[in-house]
């Protein structure tokens, strides 16, 4: 559960989900990239954890007939007024086992105290060979990526560490899932627009399947190289989404 749910009210949801200014630019960039990662198919059952107002869901609904979302921001859920968006905690998912083909959660895991519980719940509701696609910010200090939100919405710089309860890394995620039969099929850094870790976890077809966890494509030395490329505008372009 979130440590302090009143952090996530209508003001916060409207700000981070804005389609104007910096947040608008950031959200458009993220939606495009996240849709590429999800690769929604018409019959896919997709769940977004931390869907806010449902902008990504709306985009995915052009490609899949079964897109659902949950959030703990009760004001945003009420405002969305959609039967497909529910008020629900990711640590206690009210769905039957083996329900979804894909679950996604972007820039959300760092806000949740018990992330291992989330991974257990997501593994339960995923179908065999289902995928859990997640992203989380690269932070050198916990809360660094939430400074803008803390200052703009809450008018208090110290709220950054109330918003971000973890400084996550791919290795931290691997430790959290070490007893859960997920395999890591992708672990990269993208710029959206700031450095962001992206991981894709796959549920094995057999409950007893051992998780295979490859090393990140971008270890520290290579990360520095990619940061330099980004600064000088040399970071490679992205492929368009295929449906």
Protein backbone atom coordinates (compact mmCIF):
# COMPACT_ATOMS: atom_id res chain seq x y z
CA UNK A 1 0.00 0.00 0.00
CA UNK A 2 1.06 3.57 -0.50
CA UNK A 3 2.48 5.27 2.55
CA UNK A 4 0.34 8.37 2.19
CA UNK A 5 -2.53 8.17 -0.25
CA UNK A 6 -3.54 11.82 0.08
CA UNK A 7 -0.42 12.65 -1.90
CA UNK A 8 -2.30 11.36 -4.90
CA UNK A 9 -5.29 13.62 -5.38
CA UNK A 10 -6.93 15.35 -8.32
CA UNK A 11 -4.29 18.10 -8.38
CA UNK A 12 -1.46 15.57 -8.59
CA UNK A 13 -3.24 13.41 -11.18
CA UNK A 14 -4.15 16.38 -13.37
CA UNK A 15 -0.60 17.72 -13.25
CA UNK A 16 1.26 14.51 -14.12
CA UNK A 17 -1.39 13.62 -16.72
CA UNK A 18 -1.47 17.06 -18.34
CA UNK A 19 -1.34 17.34 -22.14
CA UNK A 20 0.26 20.79 -21.96
CA UNK A 21 3.79 22.11 -21.42
CA UNK A 22 6.60 19.85 -20.24
CA UNK A 23 4.24 17.21 -18.82
CA UNK A 24 2.35 17.09 -22.11
CA UNK A 25 5.58 16.59 -24.07
CA UNK A 26 6.74 13.93 -21.62
CA UNK A 27 3.42 12.07 -21.70
CA UNK A 28 3.21 11.99 -25.50
CA UNK A 29 6.76 10.63 -25.67
CA UNK A 30 6.02 7.99 -23.04
CA UNK A 31 2.71 6.86 -24.54
CA UNK A 32 4.34 6.31 -27.92
CA UNK A 33 7.25 4.34 -26.47
CA UNK A 34 5.17 2.34 -24.00
CA UNK A 35 2.73 1.32 -26.74
CA UNK A 36 5.71 0.04 -28.77
CA UNK A 37 6.75 -2.08 -25.79
CA UNK A 38 3.27 -3.45 -25.10
CA UNK A 39 2.57 -4.25 -28.76
CA UNK A 40 -1.18 -4.60 -28.14
CA UNK A 41 -3.05 -7.19 -30.19
CA UNK A 42 -6.80 -7.19 -30.73
CA UNK A 43 -7.50 -10.12 -28.40
CA UNK A 44 -4.97 -9.14 -25.72
CA UNK A 45 -6.31 -8.56 -22.23
CA UNK A 46 -4.21 -5.69 -20.88
CA UNK A 47 -4.11 -4.15 -17.40
CA UNK A 48 -2.39 -0.86 -16.59
CA UNK A 49 -1.39 -0.37 -12.96
CA UNK A 50 -1.38 3.32 -12.05
CA UNK A 51 -3.42 4.42 -15.05
CA UNK A 52 -4.28 7.90 -13.66
CA UNK A 53 -6.83 9.39 -16.07
CA UNK A 54 -6.46 6.61 -18.64
CA UNK A 55 -4.52 8.34 -21.45
CA UNK A 56 -2.36 5.32 -22.24
CA UNK A 57 -5.40 3.06 -21.94
CA UNK A 58 -7.24 5.20 -24.45
CA UNK A 59 -4.35 4.86 -26.91
CA UNK A 60 -4.09 1.09 -26.42
CA UNK A 61 -7.84 0.72 -26.94
CA UNK A 62 -7.31 1.53 -30.61
CA UNK A 63 -5.51 -1.81 -30.91
CA UNK A 64 -7.04 -4.03 -28.23
CA UNK A 65 -10.67 -4.56 -27.21
CA UNK A 66 -9.84 -5.46 -23.60
CA UNK A 67 -7.87 -2.72 -21.86
CA UNK A 68 -8.37 -2.05 -18.15
CA UNK A 69 -6.74 0.15 -15.53
CA UNK A 70 -6.45 0.60 -11.78
CA UNK A 71 -5.26 3.46 -9.59
CA UNK A 72 -5.24 4.46 -5.91
CA UNK A 73 -6.02 8.09 -6.79
CA UNK A 74 -9.72 7.93 -5.96
CA UNK A 75 -10.38 11.42 -7.33
CA UNK A 76 -8.88 10.60 -10.72
CA UNK A 77 -10.74 7.28 -10.89
CA UNK A 78 -14.01 9.10 -10.16
CA UNK A 79 -13.16 11.80 -12.69
CA UNK A 80 -12.41 9.21 -15.40
CA UNK A 81 -15.93 7.80 -14.91
CA UNK A 82 -15.12 4.60 -16.79
CA UNK A 83 -16.20 1.04 -15.99
CA UNK A 84 -12.76 -0.06 -17.17
CA UNK A 85 -10.91 2.01 -14.54
CA UNK A 86 -11.16 0.86 -10.93
CA UNK A 87 -9.93 2.11 -7.59
CA UNK A 88 -7.61 -0.69 -6.49
CA UNK A 89 -4.23 -1.29 -4.87
CA UNK A 90 -1.60 -3.16 -6.87
CA UNK A 91 -0.77 -5.16 -3.74
CA UNK A 92 -4.28 -6.68 -3.63
CA UNK A 93 -5.49 -7.17 -7.19
CA UNK A 94 -9.14 -8.18 -7.36
CA UNK A 95 -8.85 -10.26 -10.52
CA UNK A 96 -8.97 -14.00 -11.10
CA UNK A 97 -5.71 -15.85 -11.67
CA UNK A 98 -4.50 -16.21 -15.29
CA UNK A 99 -6.65 -13.32 -16.53
CA UNK A 100 -4.33 -10.98 -18.46
CA UNK A 101 -1.96 -11.38 -21.37
CA UNK A 102 -0.06 -8.20 -20.48
CA UNK A 103 0.22 -6.00 -17.41
CA UNK A 104 2.05 -2.69 -17.51
CA UNK A 105 3.09 -0.16 -14.90
CA UNK A 106 5.03 2.91 -15.93
CA UNK A 107 6.71 5.22 -13.41
CA UNK A 108 4.63 3.66 -10.64
CA UNK A 109 6.65 0.97 -8.85
CA UNK A 110 8.84 3.53 -7.08
CA UNK A 111 5.68 4.88 -5.40
CA UNK A 112 4.65 1.54 -3.84
CA UNK A 113 6.14 0.37 -0.54
CA UNK A 114 5.77 -3.41 -0.97
CA UNK A 115 6.94 -4.04 -4.52
CA UNK A 116 7.52 -7.77 -3.98
CA UNK A 117 3.84 -8.17 -3.18
CA UNK A 118 3.02 -6.38 -6.45
CA UNK A 119 5.18 -8.80 -8.43
CA UNK A 120 3.50 -11.75 -6.72
CA UNK A 121 0.04 -10.42 -7.52
CA UNK A 122 0.90 -9.61 -11.12
CA UNK A 123 2.41 -13.05 -11.63
CA UNK A 124 -0.82 -14.58 -10.31
CA UNK A 125 -3.14 -12.67 -12.67
CA UNK A 126 -0.96 -13.10 -15.77
CA UNK A 127 -1.66 -15.96 -18.15
CA UNK A 128 1.20 -18.40 -18.85
CA UNK A 129 3.80 -16.61 -21.02
CA UNK A 130 2.19 -13.28 -20.10
CA UNK A 131 4.33 -10.16 -19.79
CA UNK A 132 4.76 -7.51 -17.11
CA UNK A 133 6.21 -4.33 -18.65
CA UNK A 134 7.52 -1.75 -16.20
CA UNK A 135 9.50 1.48 -16.19
CA UNK A 136 11.06 3.50 -13.39
CA UNK A 137 13.37 6.53 -13.32
CA UNK A 138 17.13 6.38 -13.06
CA UNK A 139 17.85 8.23 -9.82
CA UNK A 140 21.18 8.92 -8.15
CA UNK A 141 19.32 10.10 -5.04
CA UNK A 142 15.91 8.76 -4.06
CA UNK A 143 13.20 11.25 -5.00
CA UNK A 144 15.36 13.14 -7.47
CA UNK A 145 12.97 12.47 -10.37
CA UNK A 146 9.99 13.59 -8.27
CA UNK A 147 11.39 17.02 -7.35
CA UNK A 148 9.45 18.84 -10.07
CA UNK A 149 6.18 17.17 -9.05
CA UNK A 150 6.80 17.80 -5.34
CA UNK A 151 7.52 21.48 -5.83
CA UNK A 152 4.81 22.17 -8.41
CA UNK A 153 1.93 20.19 -6.88
CA UNK A 154 2.70 20.02 -3.17
CA UNK A 155 4.80 23.20 -2.87
CA UNK A 156 7.25 21.29 -0.71
CA UNK A 157 10.57 19.91 -1.93
CA UNK A 158 10.65 17.30 0.86
CA UNK A 159 7.65 15.54 -0.68
CA UNK A 160 9.94 14.06 -3.32
CA UNK A 161 10.94 11.26 -0.95
CA UNK A 162 7.34 10.73 0.12
CA UNK A 163 6.38 10.23 -3.51
CA UNK A 164 9.33 7.98 -4.35
CA UNK A 165 9.70 5.29 -1.69
CA UNK A 166 12.50 3.47 -3.55
CA UNK A 167 15.54 4.24 -5.68
CA UNK A 168 15.01 1.37 -8.07
CA UNK A 169 17.53 -0.33 -10.34
CA UNK A 170 17.29 -3.49 -12.48
CA UNK A 171 19.29 -5.36 -9.84
CA UNK A 172 16.86 -4.23 -7.14
CA UNK A 173 14.00 -5.59 -9.26
CA UNK A 174 15.83 -8.89 -9.74
CA UNK A 175 16.22 -9.24 -5.98
CA UNK A 176 12.51 -8.52 -5.51
CA UNK A 177 11.50 -11.30 -7.94
CA UNK A 178 14.16 -13.87 -7.01
CA UNK A 179 11.53 -16.24 -5.57
CA UNK A 180 8.91 -15.51 -8.24
CA UNK A 181 9.10 -17.45 -11.54
CA UNK A 182 9.55 -14.47 -13.82
CA UNK A 183 12.20 -14.27 -16.53
CA UNK A 184 13.67 -10.92 -17.56
CA UNK A 185 13.47 -10.66 -21.34
CA UNK A 186 14.40 -6.98 -21.61
CA UNK A 187 16.33 -4.55 -19.42
CA UNK A 188 17.34 -1.26 -21.05
CA UNK A 189 17.59 2.47 -20.51
CA UNK A 190 15.59 4.89 -22.65
CA UNK A 191 15.30 8.67 -22.52
CA UNK A 192 11.66 9.66 -21.94
CA UNK A 193 12.86 12.43 -21.89
CA UNK A 194 15.11 11.68 -18.90
CA UNK A 195 16.95 8.39 -18.31
CA UNK A 196 14.40 5.69 -17.55
CA UNK A 197 14.86 1.99 -16.89
CA UNK A 198 12.54 -0.31 -18.82
CA UNK A 199 12.14 -4.00 -18.00
CA UNK A 200 9.96 -6.74 -19.44
CA UNK A 201 9.27 -9.73 -17.19
CA UNK A 202 7.71 -12.90 -18.57
CA UNK A 203 5.70 -15.50 -16.69
CA UNK A 204 6.86 -19.01 -17.54
CA UNK A 205 4.46 -21.58 -18.97
CA UNK A 206 5.30 -23.86 -16.05
CA UNK A 207 4.83 -22.77 -12.43
CA UNK A 208 8.09 -24.44 -11.48
CA UNK A 209 10.11 -22.84 -14.27
CA UNK A 210 13.29 -21.22 -13.02
CA UNK A 211 13.60 -17.53 -13.76
CA UNK A 212 16.31 -16.61 -16.27
CA UNK A 213 17.62 -13.14 -15.61
CA UNK A 214 20.11 -11.74 -18.11
CA UNK A 215 22.30 -8.81 -17.23
CA UNK A 216 21.15 -5.34 -18.22
CA UNK A 217 22.11 -4.28 -21.71
CA UNK A 218 23.49 -1.07 -20.30
CA UNK A 219 25.97 -1.58 -17.43
CA UNK A 220 27.47 1.52 -15.82
CA UNK A 221 30.26 2.15 -18.35
CA UNK A 222 27.86 1.92 -21.27
CA UNK A 223 25.32 4.09 -19.43
CA UNK A 224 27.83 6.95 -19.36
CA UNK A 225 28.37 6.55 -23.09
CA UNK A 226 24.63 6.72 -23.77
CA UNK A 227 24.26 9.80 -21.55
CA UNK A 228 26.97 11.54 -23.56
CA UNK A 229 25.27 10.57 -26.83
CA UNK A 230 21.99 11.90 -25.51
CA UNK A 231 23.53 15.23 -24.52
CA UNK A 232 24.98 15.70 -28.00
CA UNK A 233 21.77 14.59 -29.72
CA UNK A 234 23.20 11.35 -31.06
CA UNK A 235 20.89 8.90 -29.32
CA UNK A 236 19.45 6.51 -31.95
CA UNK A 237 15.84 6.87 -33.08
CA UNK A 238 13.04 4.49 -32.20
CA UNK A 239 11.03 2.16 -34.40
CA UNK A 240 7.33 2.80 -34.95
CA UNK A 241 4.80 0.55 -33.24
CA UNK A 242 3.65 -2.58 -35.00
CA UNK A 243 0.23 -3.96 -34.19
